[in-house]
C-alpha atoms as a PDB file:
ATOM      1  CA  MET A   1      33.547  26.369-220.419  1.00  0.00           C
ATOM      2  CA  SER A   2      31.455  23.818-222.257  1.00  0.00           C
ATOM      3  CA  ILE A   3      29.741  20.822-220.742  1.00  0.00           C
ATOM      4  CA  PRO A   4      30.884  17.600-222.352  1.00  0.00           C
ATOM      5  CA  THR A   5      27.882  16.074-224.051  1.00  0.00           C
ATOM      6  CA  SER A   6      27.624  12.577-225.352  1.00  0.00           C
ATOM      7  CA  ILE A   7      24.788  10.297-226.334  1.00  0.00           C
ATOM      8  CA  PRO A   8      24.975   8.352-223.025  1.00  0.00           C
ATOM      9  CA  ASN A   9      24.828  11.614-221.035  1.00  0.00           C
ATOM     10  CA  ILE A  10      21.839  12.839-223.051  1.00  0.00           C
ATOM     11  CA  ILE A  11      20.064   9.517-222.435  1.00  0.00           C
ATOM     12  CA  THR A  12      20.833   9.809-218.709  1.00  0.00           C
ATOM     13  CA  LEU A  13      19.454  13.361-218.632  1.00  0.00           C
ATOM     14  CA  GLY A  14      16.323  12.023-220.320  1.00  0.00           C
ATOM     15  CA  ARG A  15      16.004   9.482-217.496  1.00  0.00           C
ATOM     16  CA  ILE A  16      16.249  12.290-214.949  1.00  0.00           C
ATOM     17  CA  ILE A  17      13.483  14.157-216.809  1.00  0.00           C
ATOM     18  CA  LEU A  18      11.292  11.037-216.504  1.00  0.00           C
ATOM     19  CA  VAL A  19      11.360  11.245-212.690  1.00  0.00           C
ATOM     20  CA  PRO A  20       8.594  13.869-212.282  1.00  0.00           C
ATOM     21  CA  VAL A  21       6.577  12.149-215.007  1.00  0.00           C
ATOM     22  CA  ILE A  22       6.608   8.800-213.206  1.00  0.00           C
ATOM     23  CA  VAL A  23       5.783  10.503-209.896  1.00  0.00           C
ATOM     24  CA  TRP A  24       2.829  12.215-211.594  1.00  0.00           C
ATOM     25  CA  ALA A  25       1.683   8.878-213.015  1.00  0.00           C
ATOM     26  CA  ILE A  26       1.804   7.206-209.597  1.00  0.00           C
ATOM     27  CA  VAL A  27       0.027   9.975-207.701  1.00  0.00           C
ATOM     28  CA  SER A  28      -2.570  10.150-210.500  1.00  0.00           C
ATOM     29  CA  SER A  29      -3.200   6.386-210.205  1.00  0.00           C
ATOM     30  CA  GLN A  30      -1.966   5.856-213.755  1.00  0.00           C
ATOM     31  CA  MET A  31      -0.046   2.725-212.816  1.00  0.00           C
ATOM     32  CA  GLU A  32       0.131   1.293-216.339  1.00  0.00           C
ATOM     33  CA  VAL A  33       1.790   4.540-217.442  1.00  0.00           C
ATOM     34  CA  ALA A  34       4.093   4.491-214.401  1.00  0.00           C
ATOM     35  CA  PHE A  35       5.116   0.903-215.168  1.00  0.00           C
ATOM     36  CA  ALA A  36       5.747   1.731-218.845  1.00  0.00           C
ATOM     37  CA  ILE A  37       7.893   4.747-217.901  1.00  0.00           C
ATOM     38  CA  PHE A  38       9.786   2.589-215.408  1.00  0.00           C
ATOM     39  CA  VAL A  39      10.514   0.042-218.138  1.00  0.00           C
ATOM     40  CA  ILE A  40      11.624   2.824-220.508  1.00  0.00           C
ATOM     41  CA  ALA A  41      13.918   4.217-217.795  1.00  0.00           C
ATOM     42  CA  GLY A  42      15.394   0.768-217.205  1.00  0.00           C
ATOM     43  CA  VAL A  43      16.018   0.179-220.899  1.00  0.00           C
ATOM     44  CA  SER A  44      17.570   3.643-221.261  1.00  0.00           C
ATOM     45  CA  ASP A  45      19.891   2.891-218.320  1.00  0.00           C
ATOM     46  CA  ALA A  46      21.071  -0.284-220.043  1.00  0.00           C
ATOM     47  CA  ILE A  47      21.508   1.522-223.374  1.00  0.00           C
ATOM     48  CA  ASP A  48      23.505   4.444-221.982  1.00  0.00           C
ATOM     49  CA  GLY A  49      25.742   2.056-220.046  1.00  0.00           C
ATOM     50  CA  PHE A  50      26.297  -0.108-223.113  1.00  0.00           C
ATOM     51  CA  LEU A  51      27.088   2.888-225.341  1.00  0.00           C
ATOM     52  CA  ALA A  52      29.433   4.434-222.787  1.00  0.00           C
ATOM     53  CA  LYS A  53      31.436   1.238-222.336  1.00  0.00           C
ATOM     54  CA  ARG A  54      31.285  -0.201-225.850  1.00  0.00           C
ATOM     55  CA  PHE A  55      32.144   3.016-227.697  1.00  0.00           C
ATOM     56  CA  ASN A  56      34.410   4.528-225.022  1.00  0.00           C
ATOM     57  CA  MET A  57      31.986   7.401-224.338  1.00  0.00           C
ATOM     58  CA  THR A  58      32.489   7.430-220.581  1.00  0.00           C
ATOM     59  CA  SER A  59      32.912  10.798-218.893  1.00  0.00           C
ATOM     60  CA  GLU A  60      33.183  12.274-215.407  1.00  0.00           C
ATOM     61  CA  LEU A  61      29.792  13.890-215.909  1.00  0.00           C
ATOM     62  CA  GLY A  62      28.277  10.547-216.872  1.00  0.00           C
ATOM     63  CA  ALA A  63      29.890   8.860-213.871  1.00  0.00           C
ATOM     64  CA  LEU A  64      28.089  11.385-211.639  1.00  0.00           C
ATOM     65  CA  LEU A  65      24.801  11.649-213.545  1.00  0.00           C
ATOM     66  CA  ASP A  66      24.105   7.928-214.021  1.00  0.00           C
ATOM     67  CA  PRO A  67      23.909   6.959-210.326  1.00  0.00           C
ATOM     68  CA  LEU A  68      22.111  10.252-209.601  1.00  0.00           C
ATOM     69  CA  ALA A  69      19.469   9.382-212.211  1.00  0.00           C
ATOM     70  CA  ASP A  70      19.094   5.858-210.800  1.00  0.00           C
ATOM     71  CA  LYS A  71      18.736   7.093-207.222  1.00  0.00           C
ATOM     72  CA  ALA A  72      16.386   9.944-208.150  1.00  0.00           C
ATOM     73  CA  LEU A  73      14.149   7.474-209.970  1.00  0.00           C
ATOM     74  CA  LEU A  74      14.145   4.780-207.283  1.00  0.00           C
ATOM     75  CA  VAL A  75      13.776   7.137-204.325  1.00  0.00           C
ATOM     76  CA  SER A  76      10.954   9.019-206.068  1.00  0.00           C
ATOM     77  CA  ILE A  77       9.142   5.786-206.881  1.00  0.00           C
ATOM     78  CA  TYR A  78       9.503   4.408-203.354  1.00  0.00           C
ATOM     79  CA  VAL A  79       8.342   7.669-201.754  1.00  0.00           C
ATOM     80  CA  SER A  80       5.398   7.953-204.167  1.00  0.00           C
ATOM     81  CA  LEU A  81       4.363   4.325-203.664  1.00  0.00           C
ATOM     82  CA  GLY A  82       4.774   4.760-199.901  1.00  0.00           C
ATOM     83  CA  ILE A  83       2.483   7.792-199.877  1.00  0.00           C
ATOM     84  CA  TRP A  84       0.064   5.936-202.120  1.00  0.00           C
ATOM     85  CA  GLY A  85       0.087   3.070-199.597  1.00  0.00           C
ATOM     86  CA  ALA A  86       1.444   0.390-201.955  1.00  0.00           C
ATOM     87  CA  VAL A  87       4.810   0.019-200.193  1.00  0.00           C
ATOM     88  CA  PRO A  88       5.207  -0.136-196.405  1.00  0.00           C
ATOM     89  CA  ARG A  89       6.397   3.180-195.021  1.00  0.00           C
ATOM     90  CA  TRP A  90       9.126   1.505-192.956  1.00  0.00           C
ATOM     91  CA  LEU A  91      10.649   0.189-196.198  1.00  0.00           C
ATOM     92  CA  VAL A  92      10.478   3.642-197.803  1.00  0.00           C
ATOM     93  CA  ILE A  93      12.206   5.124-194.754  1.00  0.00           C
ATOM     94  CA  LEU A  94      14.894   2.424-194.904  1.00  0.00           C
ATOM     95  CA  VAL A  95      15.586   2.904-198.633  1.00  0.00           C
ATOM     96  CA  VAL A  96      15.620   6.715-198.438  1.00  0.00           C
ATOM     97  CA  SER A  97      17.636   6.809-195.201  1.00  0.00           C
ATOM     98  CA  ARG A  98      20.351   4.619-196.730  1.00  0.00           C
ATOM     99  CA  ASP A  99      20.827   7.059-199.586  1.00  0.00           C
ATOM    100  CA  ILE A 100      20.747  10.084-197.267  1.00  0.00           C
ATOM    101  CA  MET A 101      23.379   8.495-195.010  1.00  0.00           C
ATOM    102  CA  ILE A 102      25.683   7.673-197.917  1.00  0.00           C
ATOM    103  CA  VAL A 103      25.336  11.108-199.530  1.00  0.00           C
ATOM    104  CA  SER A 104      25.836  12.801-196.135  1.00  0.00           C
ATOM    105  CA  ALA A 105      28.998  10.773-195.521  1.00  0.00           C
ATOM    106  CA  VAL A 106      30.378  11.798-198.921  1.00  0.00           C
ATOM    107  CA  ILE A 107      29.579  15.481-198.234  1.00  0.00           C
ATOM    108  CA  VAL A 108      31.204  15.353-194.783  1.00  0.00           C
ATOM    109  CA  SER A 109      34.327  13.794-196.284  1.00  0.00           C
ATOM    110  CA  TRP A 110      34.482  16.616-198.852  1.00  0.00           C
ATOM    111  CA  LEU A 111      34.037  19.227-196.112  1.00  0.00           C
ATOM    112  CA  PHE A 112      37.007  17.730-194.267  1.00  0.00           C
ATOM    113  CA  ASP A 113      38.955  17.818-197.535  1.00  0.00           C
ATOM    114  CA  LYS A 114      39.189  14.045-197.358  1.00  0.00           C
ATOM    115  CA  PRO A 115      37.078  12.879-200.321  1.00  0.00           C
ATOM    116  CA  VAL A 116      36.162   9.244-200.163  1.00  0.00           C
ATOM    117  CA  GLU A 117      36.206   7.195-203.340  1.00  0.00           C
ATOM    118  CA  MET A 118      32.758   5.694-203.805  1.00  0.00           C
ATOM    119  CA  LYS A 119      32.976   2.466-205.731  1.00  0.00           C
ATOM    120  CA  PRO A 120      29.890   0.282-205.855  1.00  0.00           C
ATOM    121  CA  LEU A 121      30.064  -2.786-203.640  1.00  0.00           C
ATOM    122  CA  MET A 122      28.572  -6.092-204.805  1.00  0.00           C
ATOM    123  CA  VAL A 123      25.940  -5.893-202.051  1.00  0.00           C
ATOM    124  CA  SER A 124      25.022  -2.427-203.325  1.00  0.00           C
ATOM    125  CA  LYS A 125      24.555  -3.774-206.852  1.00  0.00           C
ATOM    126  CA  LEU A 126      22.385  -6.571-205.451  1.00  0.00           C
ATOM    127  CA  ASN A 127      20.467  -3.945-203.493  1.00  0.00           C
ATOM    128  CA  THR A 128      19.762  -1.961-206.653  1.00  0.00           C
ATOM    129  CA  VAL A 129      18.587  -5.106-208.461  1.00  0.00           C
ATOM    130  CA  ALA A 130      16.280  -5.980-205.544  1.00  0.00           C
ATOM    131  CA  GLN A 131      14.906  -2.425-205.325  1.00  0.00           C
ATOM    132  CA  VAL A 132      14.249  -2.305-209.068  1.00  0.00           C
ATOM    133  CA  ALA A 133      12.621  -5.755-209.094  1.00  0.00           C
ATOM    134  CA  PHE A 134      10.394  -4.903-206.118  1.00  0.00           C
ATOM    135  CA  ALA A 135       9.347  -1.533-207.586  1.00  0.00           C
ATOM    136  CA  ALA A 136       8.625  -3.157-210.962  1.00  0.00           C
ATOM    137  CA  LEU A 137       6.551  -5.896-209.323  1.00  0.00           C
ATOM    138  CA  VAL A 138       4.521  -3.390-207.294  1.00  0.00           C
ATOM    139  CA  LEU A 139       3.934  -1.102-210.286  1.00  0.00           C
ATOM    140  CA  ALA A 140       3.002  -4.046-212.534  1.00  0.00           C
ATOM    141  CA  SER A 141       0.627  -5.538-209.956  1.00  0.00           C
ATOM    142  CA  LEU A 142      -1.101  -2.172-209.486  1.00  0.00           C
ATOM    143  CA  GLY A 143      -1.207  -1.453-213.206  1.00  0.00           C
ATOM    144  CA  PHE A 144      -2.389  -4.840-214.364  1.00  0.00           C
ATOM    145  CA  GLY A 145      -4.423  -5.929-211.336  1.00  0.00           C
ATOM    146  CA  PHE A 146      -2.730  -9.095-210.128  1.00  0.00           C
ATOM    147  CA  GLN A 147      -1.727 -10.237-206.650  1.00  0.00           C
ATOM    148  CA  PRO A 148       2.064 -10.267-206.273  1.00  0.00           C
ATOM    149  CA  HIS A 149       2.093 -12.639-203.260  1.00  0.00           C
ATOM    150  CA  PRO A 150       4.461 -14.183-202.166  1.00  0.00           C
ATOM    151  CA  TYR A 151       6.979 -12.587-204.546  1.00  0.00           C
ATOM    152  CA  ASP A 152       6.428  -9.134-203.054  1.00  0.00           C
ATOM    153  CA  LEU A 153       7.344 -10.409-199.586  1.00  0.00           C
ATOM    154  CA  ILE A 154      10.404 -12.231-200.899  1.00  0.00           C
ATOM    155  CA  LEU A 155      11.637  -9.158-202.783  1.00  0.00           C
ATOM    156  CA  MET A 156      10.842  -6.919-199.801  1.00  0.00           C
ATOM    157  CA  GLY A 157      13.038  -9.209-197.698  1.00  0.00           C
ATOM    158  CA  PHE A 158      15.878  -8.923-200.215  1.00  0.00           C
ATOM    159  CA  VAL A 159      15.527  -5.128-200.342  1.00  0.00           C
ATOM    160  CA  THR A 160      15.651  -4.976-196.540  1.00  0.00           C
ATOM    161  CA  ILE A 161      18.677  -7.280-196.183  1.00  0.00           C
ATOM    162  CA  PHE A 162      20.670  -5.713-199.013  1.00  0.00           C
ATOM    163  CA  THR A 163      19.818  -2.148-197.946  1.00  0.00           C
ATOM    164  CA  LEU A 164      20.958  -2.791-194.378  1.00  0.00           C
ATOM    165  CA  GLY A 165      24.028  -4.674-195.569  1.00  0.00           C
ATOM    166  CA  SER A 166      25.129  -2.063-198.060  1.00  0.00           C
ATOM    167  CA  VAL A 167      24.680   0.935-195.772  1.00  0.00           C
ATOM    168  CA  SER A 168      26.541  -0.893-193.009  1.00  0.00           C
ATOM    169  CA  LEU A 169      29.497  -1.728-195.254  1.00  0.00           C
ATOM    170  CA  TYR A 170      29.635   1.784-196.736  1.00  0.00           C
ATOM    171  CA  LEU A 171      29.553   3.386-193.299  1.00  0.00           C
ATOM    172  CA  VAL A 172      32.233   1.044-191.927  1.00  0.00           C
ATOM    173  CA  GLU A 173      34.425   1.904-194.910  1.00  0.00           C
ATOM    174  CA  TRP A 174      33.690   5.621-194.443  1.00  0.00           C
ATOM    175  CA  VAL A 175      34.512   5.548-190.716  1.00  0.00           C
ATOM    176  CA  ARG A 176      37.771   3.727-191.525  1.00  0.00           C
ATOM    177  CA  HIS A 177      38.576   6.348-194.152  1.00  0.00           C
ATOM    178  CA  MET A 178      37.690   9.305-191.923  1.00  0.00           C
ATOM    179  CA  SER A 179      39.535   7.938-188.878  1.00  0.00           C
ATOM    180  CA  THR A 180      42.803   8.945-190.536  1.00  0.00           C
ATOM    181  CA  ILE A 181      41.966  12.636-189.990  1.00  0.00           C
ATOM    182  CA  GLU A 182      44.241  14.127-187.370  1.00  0.00           C
ATOM    183  CA  ALA A 183      42.786  16.148-184.506  1.00  0.00           C
ATOM    184  CA  ARG A 184      43.625  19.842-184.603  1.00  0.00           C
END
């Protein structure tokens, strides 16, 4: 059995490989490097998405890998910046907990042989944009030595609101979906 490879999937795998590199850069206080890698990862995400859609190179593997790469990158950055002290720990816990809850819900639905279709909600897309913007601002401010106030607080507010909103809507949808399981 061969794994379907395509240029978008290779680019996505490259983004996954960047995760430990950006974590190393953050924990080594190489914030300019971390910011540059973050920008490269963002550009590669746009390129693989464009290629997949424009040239009909979408695949099931890509549909799984792309959000995995995005989440691995964002969660790793938030955890690293939280440990470093650049992002409040409560925000790190909120961001990571949201992803753990969603992944756990998907796994439970599979275990009950009732897979739930996970389609991104608009609030989830807004959440990703807010998380990316906040992480970029923090990395840039640390790397280039400027004060991000008040933009950091504004973006932190957006991350908080959109994270809470998206996890709430996903869990409501999941509970609705799972409530159709009959008791044995």
